[in-house]
Amino acid sequence: MPNGIDVLKFHLKVDRDALKLRFCGSRDTKMILFLGRLVYQKGVNVLIGSMPHVLDECPDTKLVIVGEGPMRMQLERDTFLLGVAEHVVFTGYLDDHTARCLLRAADVLVMPSVYEPFGIVALEAMAARVPVVASDVGGISELIDYGAGLKVPPDNSHALADAIITVLAGDDVSDIFGQ
């Protein structure tokens, strides 16, 4: 099926504590996850720009960026310029199984795209029952209307940070998303 996913691939059991320890350095850390190519269209720079505000409200948080692309070096520099490098982990490319496990362990998946025709990663997050914070663009807008996350204006680090904080600060994420 075009633009479809096998939801059963995301019903795997994972050791969230072990994954958070491995990728974030602590079992108690809140994990923000980005999965995708490191290109302008994906808006990773906007996500990194949101981190100072996110960390002001949720200091025990790490952003795990899974993927590769031509913007990686610039994005890594941005983390240092913004003073958030200790809270951002670039994993590079990961195999499919590890990426799915990380998705299950994440507290929120963020898709800050400037342009996104469909949004397979959002579907994967929904299958993994992980809240999504995404830019209100393209196909993502239609997916998020079903109560699985929060939409924000594209290219807006402040709005993105506020939505991420809303999810991370929630005592029960299911209350936020009606799940």
C-alpha atoms as a PDB file:
ATOM      1  CA  MET A   1       0.000   0.000   0.000  1.00  0.00           C
ATOM      2  CA  PRO A   2       1.532   3.367  -0.938  1.00  0.00           C
ATOM      3  CA  ASN A   3       2.302   5.568   2.066  1.00  0.00           C
ATOM      4  CA  GLY A   4       1.339   2.824   4.463  1.00  0.00           C
ATOM      5  CA  ILE A   5       3.185   1.109   7.290  1.00  0.00           C
ATOM      6  CA  ASP A   6       3.032  -2.247   9.021  1.00  0.00           C
ATOM      7  CA  VAL A   7       1.832  -1.260  12.493  1.00  0.00           C
ATOM      8  CA  LEU A   8       2.853  -4.616  13.945  1.00  0.00           C
ATOM      9  CA  LYS A   9       6.521  -3.694  13.407  1.00  0.00           C
ATOM     10  CA  PHE A  10       6.033  -1.022  16.090  1.00  0.00           C
ATOM     11  CA  HIS A  11       4.455  -3.246  18.740  1.00  0.00           C
ATOM     12  CA  LEU A  12       7.802  -4.585  19.899  1.00  0.00           C
ATOM     13  CA  LYS A  13       8.777  -4.662  23.549  1.00  0.00           C
ATOM     14  CA  VAL A  14      11.734  -2.468  24.419  1.00  0.00           C
ATOM     15  CA  ASP A  15      13.698  -1.690  27.534  1.00  0.00           C
ATOM     16  CA  ARG A  16      13.086   2.079  27.648  1.00  0.00           C
ATOM     17  CA  ASP A  17      15.471   2.551  30.557  1.00  0.00           C
ATOM     18  CA  ALA A  18      18.326   0.788  28.762  1.00  0.00           C
ATOM     19  CA  LEU A  19      17.731   2.747  25.546  1.00  0.00           C
ATOM     20  CA  LYS A  20      17.580   6.048  27.405  1.00  0.00           C
ATOM     21  CA  LEU A  21      20.748   5.161  29.285  1.00  0.00           C
ATOM     22  CA  ARG A  22      22.520   4.242  26.033  1.00  0.00           C
ATOM     23  CA  PHE A  23      21.437   7.237  23.956  1.00  0.00           C
ATOM     24  CA  CYS A  24      20.787   9.915  26.597  1.00  0.00           C
ATOM     25  CA  GLY A  25      23.133   8.939  29.410  1.00  0.00           C
ATOM     26  CA  SER A  26      20.370   8.551  32.012  1.00  0.00           C
ATOM     27  CA  ARG A  27      17.279   6.444  32.525  1.00  0.00           C
ATOM     28  CA  ASP A  28      15.385   9.450  33.865  1.00  0.00           C
ATOM     29  CA  THR A  29      16.006  11.753  30.911  1.00  0.00           C
ATOM     30  CA  LYS A  30      13.092  12.890  28.773  1.00  0.00           C
ATOM     31  CA  MET A  31      13.862  11.917  25.179  1.00  0.00           C
ATOM     32  CA  ILE A  32      12.895  14.085  22.220  1.00  0.00           C
ATOM     33  CA  LEU A  33      13.405  12.155  18.995  1.00  0.00           C
ATOM     34  CA  PHE A  34      13.927  13.294  15.420  1.00  0.00           C
ATOM     35  CA  LEU A  35      14.118  10.671  12.653  1.00  0.00           C
ATOM     36  CA  GLY A  36      14.987  11.767   9.158  1.00  0.00           C
ATOM     37  CA  ARG A  37      17.372  13.288   6.675  1.00  0.00           C
ATOM     38  CA  LEU A  38      19.413  16.249   7.833  1.00  0.00           C
ATOM     39  CA  VAL A  39      18.292  18.633   5.093  1.00  0.00           C
ATOM     40  CA  TYR A  40      16.707  22.078   5.172  1.00  0.00           C
ATOM     41  CA  GLN A  41      13.205  20.794   4.344  1.00  0.00           C
ATOM     42  CA  LYS A  42      13.098  18.719   7.535  1.00  0.00           C
ATOM     43  CA  GLY A  43      13.527  21.790   9.774  1.00  0.00           C
ATOM     44  CA  VAL A  44      16.049  20.252  12.176  1.00  0.00           C
ATOM     45  CA  ASN A  45      17.578  23.718  12.606  1.00  0.00           C
ATOM     46  CA  VAL A  46      14.221  24.902  13.963  1.00  0.00           C
ATOM     47  CA  LEU A  47      14.162  22.007  16.427  1.00  0.00           C
ATOM     48  CA  ILE A  48      17.686  22.789  17.622  1.00  0.00           C
ATOM     49  CA  GLY A  49      16.654  26.446  17.912  1.00  0.00           C
ATOM     50  CA  SER A  50      13.822  25.383  20.242  1.00  0.00           C
ATOM     51  CA  MET A  51      16.133  23.582  22.653  1.00  0.00           C
ATOM     52  CA  PRO A  52      17.222  26.525  24.853  1.00  0.00           C
ATOM     53  CA  HIS A  53      13.573  27.227  25.721  1.00  0.00           C
ATOM     54  CA  VAL A  54      12.762  23.523  26.151  1.00  0.00           C
ATOM     55  CA  LEU A  55      15.735  23.124  28.507  1.00  0.00           C
ATOM     56  CA  ASP A  56      14.673  26.164  30.553  1.00  0.00           C
ATOM     57  CA  GLU A  57      11.433  24.335  31.395  1.00  0.00           C
ATOM     58  CA  CYS A  58      12.591  20.710  31.183  1.00  0.00           C
ATOM     59  CA  PRO A  59      16.315  20.669  32.004  1.00  0.00           C
ATOM     60  CA  ASP A  60      16.649  16.883  32.142  1.00  0.00           C
ATOM     61  CA  THR A  61      15.943  16.451  28.436  1.00  0.00           C
ATOM     62  CA  LYS A  62      17.959  15.177  25.494  1.00  0.00           C
ATOM     63  CA  LEU A  63      17.296  15.555  21.807  1.00  0.00           C
ATOM     64  CA  VAL A  64      18.301  12.451  19.869  1.00  0.00           C
ATOM     65  CA  ILE A  65      18.738  13.112  16.154  1.00  0.00           C
ATOM     66  CA  VAL A  66      18.746   9.971  14.016  1.00  0.00           C
ATOM     67  CA  GLY A  67      19.822  10.479  10.435  1.00  0.00           C
ATOM     68  CA  GLU A  68      22.448  11.820   8.098  1.00  0.00           C
ATOM     69  CA  GLY A  69      22.581  14.563   5.540  1.00  0.00           C
ATOM     70  CA  PRO A  70      24.407  17.566   4.189  1.00  0.00           C
ATOM     71  CA  MET A  71      23.389  19.821   7.106  1.00  0.00           C
ATOM     72  CA  ARG A  72      24.905  17.675   9.862  1.00  0.00           C
ATOM     73  CA  MET A  73      28.055  19.745  10.407  1.00  0.00           C
ATOM     74  CA  GLN A  74      26.079  23.007  10.444  1.00  0.00           C
ATOM     75  CA  LEU A  75      23.548  21.541  12.876  1.00  0.00           C
ATOM     76  CA  GLU A  76      26.308  20.310  15.182  1.00  0.00           C
ATOM     77  CA  ARG A  77      27.825  23.821  15.130  1.00  0.00           C
ATOM     78  CA  ASP A  78      24.414  25.295  15.933  1.00  0.00           C
ATOM     79  CA  THR A  79      24.176  23.169  19.087  1.00  0.00           C
ATOM     80  CA  PHE A  80      27.465  24.648  20.319  1.00  0.00           C
ATOM     81  CA  LEU A  81      26.490  28.209  19.380  1.00  0.00           C
ATOM     82  CA  LEU A  82      23.207  27.860  21.278  1.00  0.00           C
ATOM     83  CA  GLY A  83      24.879  26.208  24.272  1.00  0.00           C
ATOM     84  CA  VAL A  84      22.830  23.008  24.001  1.00  0.00           C
ATOM     85  CA  ALA A  85      25.460  20.595  22.643  1.00  0.00           C
ATOM     86  CA  GLU A  86      25.456  18.540  25.859  1.00  0.00           C
ATOM     87  CA  HIS A  87      21.728  17.937  25.372  1.00  0.00           C
ATOM     88  CA  VAL A  88      21.806  16.897  21.706  1.00  0.00           C
ATOM     89  CA  VAL A  89      22.953  13.504  20.448  1.00  0.00           C
ATOM     90  CA  PHE A  90      23.619  12.903  16.752  1.00  0.00           C
ATOM     91  CA  THR A  91      23.486   9.152  16.125  1.00  0.00           C
ATOM     92  CA  GLY A  92      23.959   9.171  12.383  1.00  0.00           C
ATOM     93  CA  TYR A  93      22.253   6.409  10.457  1.00  0.00           C
ATOM     94  CA  LEU A  94      20.786   3.576  12.538  1.00  0.00           C
ATOM     95  CA  ASP A  95      19.426   0.251  11.348  1.00  0.00           C
ATOM     96  CA  ASP A  96      15.638  -0.071  11.132  1.00  0.00           C
ATOM     97  CA  HIS A  97      15.262  -2.201  14.261  1.00  0.00           C
ATOM     98  CA  THR A  98      17.263   0.184  16.456  1.00  0.00           C
ATOM     99  CA  ALA A  99      15.360   3.181  15.090  1.00  0.00           C
ATOM    100  CA  ARG A 100      12.024   1.486  15.852  1.00  0.00           C
ATOM    101  CA  CYS A 101      13.217   0.662  19.381  1.00  0.00           C
ATOM    102  CA  LEU A 102      14.264   4.286  19.916  1.00  0.00           C
ATOM    103  CA  LEU A 103      10.871   5.425  18.692  1.00  0.00           C
ATOM    104  CA  ARG A 104       9.179   3.222  21.286  1.00  0.00           C
ATOM    105  CA  ALA A 105      11.444   4.651  24.004  1.00  0.00           C
ATOM    106  CA  ALA A 106      10.940   8.311  23.059  1.00  0.00           C
ATOM    107  CA  ASP A 107       8.761  10.671  25.048  1.00  0.00           C
ATOM    108  CA  VAL A 108       7.919  12.666  21.926  1.00  0.00           C
ATOM    109  CA  LEU A 109       8.721  12.535  18.229  1.00  0.00           C
ATOM    110  CA  VAL A 110       9.228  15.931  16.610  1.00  0.00           C
ATOM    111  CA  MET A 111       8.749  16.654  12.901  1.00  0.00           C
ATOM    112  CA  PRO A 112       9.610  20.343  12.422  1.00  0.00           C
ATOM    113  CA  SER A 113       9.414  20.145   8.626  1.00  0.00           C
ATOM    114  CA  VAL A 114       9.242  23.218   6.453  1.00  0.00           C
ATOM    115  CA  TYR A 115       7.863  20.996   3.684  1.00  0.00           C
ATOM    116  CA  GLU A 116       6.514  17.467   4.091  1.00  0.00           C
ATOM    117  CA  PRO A 117       4.380  15.850   1.381  1.00  0.00           C
ATOM    118  CA  PHE A 118       3.147  12.973   3.567  1.00  0.00           C
ATOM    119  CA  GLY A 119       4.953  12.096   6.798  1.00  0.00           C
ATOM    120  CA  ILE A 120       5.618   8.374   7.111  1.00  0.00           C
ATOM    121  CA  VAL A 121       7.586   8.995  10.330  1.00  0.00           C
ATOM    122  CA  ALA A 122       4.462  10.497  11.918  1.00  0.00           C
ATOM    123  CA  LEU A 123       2.528   7.329  11.055  1.00  0.00           C
ATOM    124  CA  GLU A 124       5.308   5.243  12.562  1.00  0.00           C
ATOM    125  CA  ALA A 125       5.205   7.292  15.772  1.00  0.00           C
ATOM    126  CA  MET A 126       1.440   6.853  15.981  1.00  0.00           C
ATOM    127  CA  ALA A 127       1.855   3.097  15.491  1.00  0.00           C
ATOM    128  CA  ALA A 128       4.413   3.131  18.325  1.00  0.00           C
ATOM    129  CA  ARG A 129       1.964   5.193  20.450  1.00  0.00           C
ATOM    130  CA  VAL A 130       4.387   8.086  20.787  1.00  0.00           C
ATOM    131  CA  PRO A 131       3.050  11.660  20.795  1.00  0.00           C
ATOM    132  CA  VAL A 132       3.985  13.736  17.765  1.00  0.00           C
ATOM    133  CA  VAL A 133       4.775  17.440  17.629  1.00  0.00           C
ATOM    134  CA  ALA A 134       4.839  18.525  14.008  1.00  0.00           C
ATOM    135  CA  SER A 135       4.778  21.541  11.754  1.00  0.00           C
ATOM    136  CA  ASP A 136       1.371  22.290  10.299  1.00  0.00           C
ATOM    137  CA  VAL A 137       2.429  21.585   6.711  1.00  0.00           C
ATOM    138  CA  GLY A 138       1.546  19.177   3.916  1.00  0.00           C
ATOM    139  CA  GLY A 139       0.353  15.702   4.716  1.00  0.00           C
ATOM    140  CA  ILE A 140       1.317  15.926   8.380  1.00  0.00           C
ATOM    141  CA  SER A 141      -1.534  18.382   8.973  1.00  0.00           C
ATOM    142  CA  GLU A 142      -4.093  15.813   7.939  1.00  0.00           C
ATOM    143  CA  LEU A 143      -2.536  13.047  10.026  1.00  0.00           C
ATOM    144  CA  ILE A 144      -2.292  15.031  13.249  1.00  0.00           C
ATOM    145  CA  ASP A 145      -5.966  16.019  13.075  1.00  0.00           C
ATOM    146  CA  TYR A 146      -6.767  12.593  14.473  1.00  0.00           C
ATOM    147  CA  GLY A 147      -5.612  13.432  17.987  1.00  0.00           C
ATOM    148  CA  ALA A 148      -2.152  11.893  17.991  1.00  0.00           C
ATOM    149  CA  GLY A 149      -0.206  15.065  18.605  1.00  0.00           C
ATOM    150  CA  LEU A 150       0.171  18.803  18.408  1.00  0.00           C
ATOM    151  CA  LYS A 151       0.646  20.969  15.319  1.00  0.00           C
ATOM    152  CA  VAL A 152       2.685  24.174  15.265  1.00  0.00           C
ATOM    153  CA  PRO A 153       3.352  26.811  12.624  1.00  0.00           C
ATOM    154  CA  PRO A 154       6.359  25.908  10.474  1.00  0.00           C
ATOM    155  CA  ASP A 155       9.730  27.573  11.015  1.00  0.00           C
ATOM    156  CA  ASN A 156       8.796  28.755  14.517  1.00  0.00           C
ATOM    157  CA  SER A 157      11.179  27.596  17.257  1.00  0.00           C
ATOM    158  CA  HIS A 158       9.158  29.236  20.053  1.00  0.00           C
ATOM    159  CA  ALA A 159       5.894  27.550  19.106  1.00  0.00           C
ATOM    160  CA  LEU A 160       7.731  24.264  18.652  1.00  0.00           C
ATOM    161  CA  ALA A 161       9.340  24.574  22.093  1.00  0.00           C
ATOM    162  CA  ASP A 162       5.982  25.344  23.731  1.00  0.00           C
ATOM    163  CA  ALA A 163       4.392  22.254  22.176  1.00  0.00           C
ATOM    164  CA  ILE A 164       7.315  20.019  23.169  1.00  0.00           C
ATOM    165  CA  ILE A 165       7.147  21.369  26.732  1.00  0.00           C
ATOM    166  CA  THR A 166       3.406  20.681  26.819  1.00  0.00           C
ATOM    167  CA  VAL A 167       4.039  17.046  25.953  1.00  0.00           C
ATOM    168  CA  LEU A 168       7.062  16.578  28.236  1.00  0.00           C
ATOM    169  CA  ALA A 169       5.410  18.278  31.200  1.00  0.00           C
ATOM    170  CA  GLY A 170       2.251  16.213  30.933  1.00  0.00           C
ATOM    171  CA  ASP A 171       1.819  13.834  33.842  1.00  0.00           C
ATOM    172  CA  ASP A 172      -0.203  11.566  31.597  1.00  0.00           C
ATOM    173  CA  VAL A 173       0.375  12.014  27.893  1.00  0.00           C
ATOM    174  CA  SER A 174      -2.779  10.042  27.136  1.00  0.00           C
ATOM    175  CA  ASP A 175      -4.773  12.885  28.708  1.00  0.00           C
ATOM    176  CA  ILE A 176      -3.246  15.349  26.237  1.00  0.00           C
ATOM    177  CA  PHE A 177      -4.032  13.215  23.203  1.00  0.00           C
ATOM    178  CA  GLY A 178      -7.205  11.480  24.271  1.00  0.00           C
ATOM    179  CA  GLN A 179      -5.708   8.005  23.827  1.00  0.00           C
END
